[in-house]
Amino acid sequence: MGGKNGGNFSAAGTEIDEVKKRNENSGMSYNEAKEFLAKTTGGHGTSIYSDTNVEDVRRKNEQNQER
């Protein structure tokens, strides 16, 4: 949608390109922050963010029990 001064504005008058520019420099998104915290601090209900290979852990546990 075209608008004032040839810029890209929403129906409410927000300058879309300016918002995009600010978002690029704003740091982590909410979901990125949740994932970072889950991976670095652990906690309940964070298994969806885990990069642990469950089968690898099971295999190692079985090997340790056999010894």
PDB file of N, CA and C in Angstrom:
ATOM      1  N   MET A   1       0.844  -1.183   0.000  1.00  0.00           N
ATOM      2  CA  MET A   1       0.000   0.000   0.000  1.00  0.00           C
ATOM      3  C   MET A   1       0.885   1.240   0.000  1.00  0.00           C
ATOM      4  N   GLY A   2       0.754   2.076  -0.957  1.00  0.00           N
ATOM      5  CA  GLY A   2       1.555   3.298  -1.030  1.00  0.00           C
ATOM      6  C   GLY A   2       1.070   4.312  -0.017  1.00  0.00           C
ATOM      7  N   GLY A   3       1.875   5.294   0.266  1.00  0.00           N
ATOM      8  CA  GLY A   3       1.441   6.253   1.274  1.00  0.00           C
ATOM      9  C   GLY A   3       2.208   7.541   1.189  1.00  0.00           C
ATOM     10  N   LYS A   4       2.278   8.193   2.340  1.00  0.00           N
ATOM     11  CA  LYS A   4       2.938   9.482   2.456  1.00  0.00           C
ATOM     12  C   LYS A   4       4.376   9.412   1.963  1.00  0.00           C
ATOM     13  N   ASN A   5       4.796  10.388   1.236  1.00  0.00           N
ATOM     14  CA  ASN A   5       6.170  10.506   0.754  1.00  0.00           C
ATOM     15  C   ASN A   5       6.647   9.264  -0.001  1.00  0.00           C
ATOM     16  N   GLY A   6       5.748   8.521  -0.607  1.00  0.00           N
ATOM     17  CA  GLY A   6       6.124   7.348  -1.382  1.00  0.00           C
ATOM     18  C   GLY A   6       6.561   6.170  -0.534  1.00  0.00           C
ATOM     19  N   GLY A   7       6.405   6.256   0.793  1.00  0.00           N
ATOM     20  CA  GLY A   7       6.813   5.166   1.682  1.00  0.00           C
ATOM     21  C   GLY A   7       5.801   4.037   1.680  1.00  0.00           C
ATOM     22  N   ASN A   8       6.134   2.978   2.370  1.00  0.00           N
ATOM     23  CA  ASN A   8       5.271   1.809   2.484  1.00  0.00           C
ATOM     24  C   ASN A   8       4.600   1.857   3.853  1.00  0.00           C
ATOM     25  N   PHE A   9       3.297   2.212   3.883  1.00  0.00           N
ATOM     26  CA  PHE A   9       2.581   2.411   5.138  1.00  0.00           C
ATOM     27  C   PHE A   9       1.437   1.418   5.262  1.00  0.00           C
ATOM     28  N   SER A  10       1.148   1.015   6.526  1.00  0.00           N
ATOM     29  CA  SER A  10      -0.007   0.152   6.776  1.00  0.00           C
ATOM     30  C   SER A  10      -1.266   1.007   6.767  1.00  0.00           C
ATOM     31  N   ALA A  11      -2.429   0.366   6.842  1.00  0.00           N
ATOM     32  CA  ALA A  11      -3.694   1.092   6.868  1.00  0.00           C
ATOM     33  C   ALA A  11      -3.777   2.019   8.083  1.00  0.00           C
ATOM     34  N   ALA A  12      -3.075   1.642   9.169  1.00  0.00           N
ATOM     35  CA  ALA A  12      -3.088   2.470  10.382  1.00  0.00           C
ATOM     36  C   ALA A  12      -2.068   3.595  10.328  1.00  0.00           C
ATOM     37  N   GLY A  13      -1.271   3.651   9.255  1.00  0.00           N
ATOM     38  CA  GLY A  13      -0.301   4.726   9.104  1.00  0.00           C
ATOM     39  C   GLY A  13       1.099   4.384   9.575  1.00  0.00           C
ATOM     40  N   THR A  14       1.334   3.120   9.928  1.00  0.00           N
ATOM     41  CA  THR A  14       2.663   2.692  10.375  1.00  0.00           C
ATOM     42  C   THR A  14       3.588   2.539   9.177  1.00  0.00           C
ATOM     43  N   GLU A  15       4.795   3.068   9.296  1.00  0.00           N
ATOM     44  CA  GLU A  15       5.775   2.952   8.214  1.00  0.00           C
ATOM     45  C   GLU A  15       6.413   1.560   8.286  1.00  0.00           C
ATOM     46  N   ILE A  16       6.006   0.667   7.414  1.00  0.00           N
ATOM     47  CA  ILE A  16       6.373  -0.744   7.454  1.00  0.00           C
ATOM     48  C   ILE A  16       7.875  -0.949   7.319  1.00  0.00           C
ATOM     49  N   ASP A  17       8.508  -0.255   6.418  1.00  0.00           N
ATOM     50  CA  ASP A  17       9.952  -0.428   6.214  1.00  0.00           C
ATOM     51  C   ASP A  17      10.743  -0.027   7.462  1.00  0.00           C
ATOM     52  N   GLU A  18      10.298   1.005   8.157  1.00  0.00           N
ATOM     53  CA  GLU A  18      10.973   1.448   9.374  1.00  0.00           C
ATOM     54  C   GLU A  18      10.832   0.391  10.471  1.00  0.00           C
ATOM     55  N   VAL A  19       9.661  -0.209  10.592  1.00  0.00           N
ATOM     56  CA  VAL A  19       9.442  -1.256  11.589  1.00  0.00           C
ATOM     57  C   VAL A  19      10.336  -2.454  11.298  1.00  0.00           C
ATOM     58  N   LYS A  20      10.426  -2.849  10.030  1.00  0.00           N
ATOM     59  CA  LYS A  20      11.279  -3.976   9.650  1.00  0.00           C
ATOM     60  C   LYS A  20      12.739  -3.686   9.980  1.00  0.00           C
ATOM     61  N   LYS A  21      13.181  -2.455   9.714  1.00  0.00           N
ATOM     62  CA  LYS A  21      14.559  -2.066   9.987  1.00  0.00           C
ATOM     63  C   LYS A  21      14.850  -2.144  11.493  1.00  0.00           C
ATOM     64  N   ARG A  22      13.929  -1.663  12.302  1.00  0.00           N
ATOM     65  CA  ARG A  22      14.121  -1.707  13.757  1.00  0.00           C
ATOM     66  C   ARG A  22      14.096  -3.139  14.278  1.00  0.00           C
ATOM     67  N   ASN A  23      13.241  -3.989  13.709  1.00  0.00           N
ATOM     68  CA  ASN A  23      13.170  -5.383  14.138  1.00  0.00           C
ATOM     69  C   ASN A  23      14.476  -6.123  13.880  1.00  0.00           C
ATOM     70  N   GLU A  24      15.144  -5.804  12.765  1.00  0.00           N
ATOM     71  CA  GLU A  24      16.412  -6.455  12.444  1.00  0.00           C
ATOM     72  C   GLU A  24      17.476  -6.186  13.500  1.00  0.00           C
ATOM     73  N   ASN A  25      17.391  -5.048  14.154  1.00  0.00           N
ATOM     74  CA  ASN A  25      18.394  -4.645  15.140  1.00  0.00           C
ATOM     75  C   ASN A  25      17.934  -4.830  16.583  1.00  0.00           C
ATOM     76  N   SER A  26      16.849  -5.563  16.793  1.00  0.00           N
ATOM     77  CA  SER A  26      16.271  -5.611  18.134  1.00  0.00           C
ATOM     78  C   SER A  26      16.717  -6.797  18.971  1.00  0.00           C
ATOM     79  N   GLY A  27      17.558  -7.694  18.450  1.00  0.00           N
ATOM     80  CA  GLY A  27      18.009  -8.838  19.242  1.00  0.00           C
ATOM     81  C   GLY A  27      17.146 -10.054  18.989  1.00  0.00           C
ATOM     82  N   MET A  28      17.146 -10.950  19.965  1.00  0.00           N
ATOM     83  CA  MET A  28      16.421 -12.213  19.817  1.00  0.00           C
ATOM     84  C   MET A  28      14.917 -12.017  19.852  1.00  0.00           C
ATOM     85  N   SER A  29      14.232 -12.881  19.114  1.00  0.00           N
ATOM     86  CA  SER A  29      12.773 -12.898  19.211  1.00  0.00           C
ATOM     87  C   SER A  29      12.391 -13.620  20.501  1.00  0.00           C
ATOM     88  N   TYR A  30      11.138 -13.565  20.875  1.00  0.00           N
ATOM     89  CA  TYR A  30      10.643 -14.241  22.071  1.00  0.00           C
ATOM     90  C   TYR A  30      10.948 -15.738  21.997  1.00  0.00           C
ATOM     91  N   ASN A  31      10.646 -16.359  20.858  1.00  0.00           N
ATOM     92  CA  ASN A  31      10.878 -17.801  20.722  1.00  0.00           C
ATOM     93  C   ASN A  31      12.369 -18.131  20.711  1.00  0.00           C
ATOM     94  N   GLU A  32      13.192 -17.280  20.118  1.00  0.00           N
ATOM     95  CA  GLU A  32      14.638 -17.503  20.147  1.00  0.00           C
ATOM     96  C   GLU A  32      15.164 -17.423  21.575  1.00  0.00           C
ATOM     97  N   ALA A  33      14.647 -16.477  22.343  1.00  0.00           N
ATOM     98  CA  ALA A  33      15.063 -16.343  23.743  1.00  0.00           C
ATOM     99  C   ALA A  33      14.638 -17.564  24.556  1.00  0.00           C
ATOM    100  N   LYS A  34      13.412 -18.060  24.322  1.00  0.00           N
ATOM    101  CA  LYS A  34      12.947 -19.266  25.028  1.00  0.00           C
ATOM    102  C   LYS A  34      13.847 -20.450  24.708  1.00  0.00           C
ATOM    103  N   GLU A  35      14.180 -20.612  23.437  1.00  0.00           N
ATOM    104  CA  GLU A  35      15.027 -21.728  23.028  1.00  0.00           C
ATOM    105  C   GLU A  35      16.414 -21.609  23.658  1.00  0.00           C
ATOM    106  N   PHE A  36      16.980 -20.416  23.660  1.00  0.00           N
ATOM    107  CA  PHE A  36      18.296 -20.199  24.250  1.00  0.00           C
ATOM    108  C   PHE A  36      18.292 -20.547  25.733  1.00  0.00           C
ATOM    109  N   LEU A  37      17.282 -20.073  26.457  1.00  0.00           N
ATOM    110  CA  LEU A  37      17.199 -20.360  27.883  1.00  0.00           C
ATOM    111  C   LEU A  37      17.027 -21.851  28.140  1.00  0.00           C
ATOM    112  N   ALA A  38      16.212 -22.502  27.336  1.00  0.00           N
ATOM    113  CA  ALA A  38      15.982 -23.938  27.510  1.00  0.00           C
ATOM    114  C   ALA A  38      17.268 -24.730  27.294  1.00  0.00           C
ATOM    115  N   LYS A  39      18.045 -24.336  26.303  1.00  0.00           N
ATOM    116  CA  LYS A  39      19.272 -25.062  25.991  1.00  0.00           C
ATOM    117  C   LYS A  39      20.387 -24.770  26.979  1.00  0.00           C
ATOM    118  N   THR A  40      20.365 -23.610  27.604  1.00  0.00           N
ATOM    119  CA  THR A  40      21.481 -23.240  28.475  1.00  0.00           C
ATOM    120  C   THR A  40      21.178 -23.414  29.953  1.00  0.00           C
ATOM    121  N   THR A  41      19.908 -23.466  30.338  1.00  0.00           N
ATOM    122  CA  THR A  41      19.590 -23.578  31.758  1.00  0.00           C
ATOM    123  C   THR A  41      18.773 -24.813  32.089  1.00  0.00           C
ATOM    124  N   GLY A  42      18.233 -25.507  31.089  1.00  0.00           N
ATOM    125  CA  GLY A  42      17.381 -26.660  31.359  1.00  0.00           C
ATOM    126  C   GLY A  42      16.048 -26.210  31.912  1.00  0.00           C
ATOM    127  N   GLY A  43      15.314 -27.129  32.479  1.00  0.00           N
ATOM    128  CA  GLY A  43      14.035 -26.765  33.074  1.00  0.00           C
ATOM    129  C   GLY A  43      12.939 -27.712  32.641  1.00  0.00           C
ATOM    130  N   HIS A  44      11.782 -27.541  33.231  1.00  0.00           N
ATOM    131  CA  HIS A  44      10.626 -28.398  32.945  1.00  0.00           C
ATOM    132  C   HIS A  44       9.970 -27.983  31.638  1.00  0.00           C
ATOM    133  N   GLY A  45       9.573 -28.966  30.835  1.00  0.00           N
ATOM    134  CA  GLY A  45       8.865 -28.683  29.597  1.00  0.00           C
ATOM    135  C   GLY A  45       9.721 -28.102  28.488  1.00  0.00           C
ATOM    136  N   THR A  46      11.032 -28.317  28.556  1.00  0.00           N
ATOM    137  CA  THR A  46      11.912 -27.742  27.541  1.00  0.00           C
ATOM    138  C   THR A  46      12.439 -28.794  26.572  1.00  0.00           C
ATOM    139  N   SER A  47      11.912 -30.009  26.638  1.00  0.00           N
ATOM    140  CA  SER A  47      12.448 -31.099  25.819  1.00  0.00           C
ATOM    141  C   SER A  47      12.336 -30.825  24.320  1.00  0.00           C
ATOM    142  N   ILE A  48      11.374 -30.013  23.898  1.00  0.00           N
ATOM    143  CA  ILE A  48      11.245 -29.725  22.464  1.00  0.00           C
ATOM    144  C   ILE A  48      12.439 -28.948  21.935  1.00  0.00           C
ATOM    145  N   TYR A  49      13.194 -28.300  22.839  1.00  0.00           N
ATOM    146  CA  TYR A  49      14.355 -27.525  22.417  1.00  0.00           C
ATOM    147  C   TYR A  49      15.656 -28.318  22.543  1.00  0.00           C
ATOM    148  N   SER A  50      15.569 -29.551  23.040  1.00  0.00           N
ATOM    149  CA  SER A  50      16.753 -30.355  23.290  1.00  0.00           C
ATOM    150  C   SER A  50      17.381 -30.819  21.976  1.00  0.00           C
ATOM    151  N   ASP A  51      18.699 -30.821  21.939  1.00  0.00           N
ATOM    152  CA  ASP A  51      19.393 -31.371  20.784  1.00  0.00           C
ATOM    153  C   ASP A  51      20.075 -32.683  21.155  1.00  0.00           C
ATOM    154  N   THR A  52      19.629 -33.287  22.271  1.00  0.00           N
ATOM    155  CA  THR A  52      20.151 -34.573  22.722  1.00  0.00           C
ATOM    156  C   THR A  52      19.602 -35.691  21.849  1.00  0.00           C
ATOM    157  N   ASN A  53      20.478 -36.601  21.427  1.00  0.00           N
ATOM    158  CA  ASN A  53      20.062 -37.757  20.658  1.00  0.00           C
ATOM    159  C   ASN A  53      19.651 -38.843  21.650  1.00  0.00           C
ATOM    160  N   VAL A  54      18.357 -39.084  21.783  1.00  0.00           N
ATOM    161  CA  VAL A  54      17.818 -39.995  22.789  1.00  0.00           C
ATOM    162  C   VAL A  54      18.355 -41.411  22.579  1.00  0.00           C
ATOM    163  N   GLU A  55      18.414 -41.854  21.345  1.00  0.00           N
ATOM    164  CA  GLU A  55      18.909 -43.213  21.066  1.00  0.00           C
ATOM    165  C   GLU A  55      20.375 -43.352  21.474  1.00  0.00           C
ATOM    166  N   ASP A  56      21.153 -42.320  21.269  1.00  0.00           N
ATOM    167  CA  ASP A  56      22.560 -42.335  21.656  1.00  0.00           C
ATOM    168  C   ASP A  56      22.700 -42.486  23.169  1.00  0.00           C
ATOM    169  N   VAL A  57      21.881 -41.769  23.919  1.00  0.00           N
ATOM    170  CA  VAL A  57      21.908 -41.848  25.378  1.00  0.00           C
ATOM    171  C   VAL A  57      21.502 -43.246  25.836  1.00  0.00           C
ATOM    172  N   ARG A  58      20.453 -43.811  25.232  1.00  0.00           N
ATOM    173  CA  ARG A  58      20.014 -45.166  25.597  1.00  0.00           C
ATOM    174  C   ARG A  58      21.128 -46.182  25.349  1.00  0.00           C
ATOM    175  N   ARG A  59      21.770 -46.063  24.204  1.00  0.00           N
ATOM    176  CA  ARG A  59      22.843 -46.983  23.851  1.00  0.00           C
ATOM    177  C   ARG A  59      23.987 -46.901  24.870  1.00  0.00           C
ATOM    178  N   LYS A  60      24.368 -45.701  25.243  1.00  0.00           N
ATOM    179  CA  LYS A  60      25.446 -45.516  26.216  1.00  0.00           C
ATOM    180  C   LYS A  60      25.050 -46.057  27.581  1.00  0.00           C
ATOM    181  N   ASN A  61      23.793 -45.849  27.970  1.00  0.00           N
ATOM    182  CA  ASN A  61      23.323 -46.366  29.253  1.00  0.00           C
ATOM    183  C   ASN A  61      23.350 -47.893  29.266  1.00  0.00           C
ATOM    184  N   GLU A  62      22.933 -48.497  28.176  1.00  0.00           N
ATOM    185  CA  GLU A  62      22.973 -49.968  28.083  1.00  0.00           C
ATOM    186  C   GLU A  62      24.391 -50.486  28.165  1.00  0.00           C
ATOM    187  N   GLN A  63      25.328 -49.811  27.509  1.00  0.00           N
ATOM    188  CA  GLN A  63      26.727 -50.222  27.544  1.00  0.00           C
ATOM    189  C   GLN A  63      27.274 -50.130  28.973  1.00  0.00           C
ATOM    190  N   ASN A  64      26.897 -49.084  29.683  1.00  0.00           N
ATOM    191  CA  ASN A  64      27.383 -48.899  31.068  1.00  0.00           C
ATOM    192  C   ASN A  64      26.800 -49.962  31.990  1.00  0.00           C
ATOM    193  N   GLN A  65      25.569 -50.391  31.748  1.00  0.00           N
ATOM    194  CA  GLN A  65      24.944 -51.413  32.590  1.00  0.00           C
ATOM    195  C   GLN A  65      25.578 -52.784  32.345  1.00  0.00           C
ATOM    196  N   GLU A  66      26.052 -53.022  31.126  1.00  0.00           N
ATOM    197  CA  GLU A  66      26.668 -54.296  30.797  1.00  0.00           C
ATOM    198  C   GLU A  66      28.029 -54.464  31.444  1.00  0.00           C
ATOM    199  N   ARG A  67      28.666 -53.381  31.790  1.00  0.00           N
ATOM    200  CA  ARG A  67      30.034 -53.434  32.359  1.00  0.00           C
ATOM    201  C   ARG A  67      30.013 -53.854  33.776  1.00  0.00           C
TER     202      ARG A  67
END
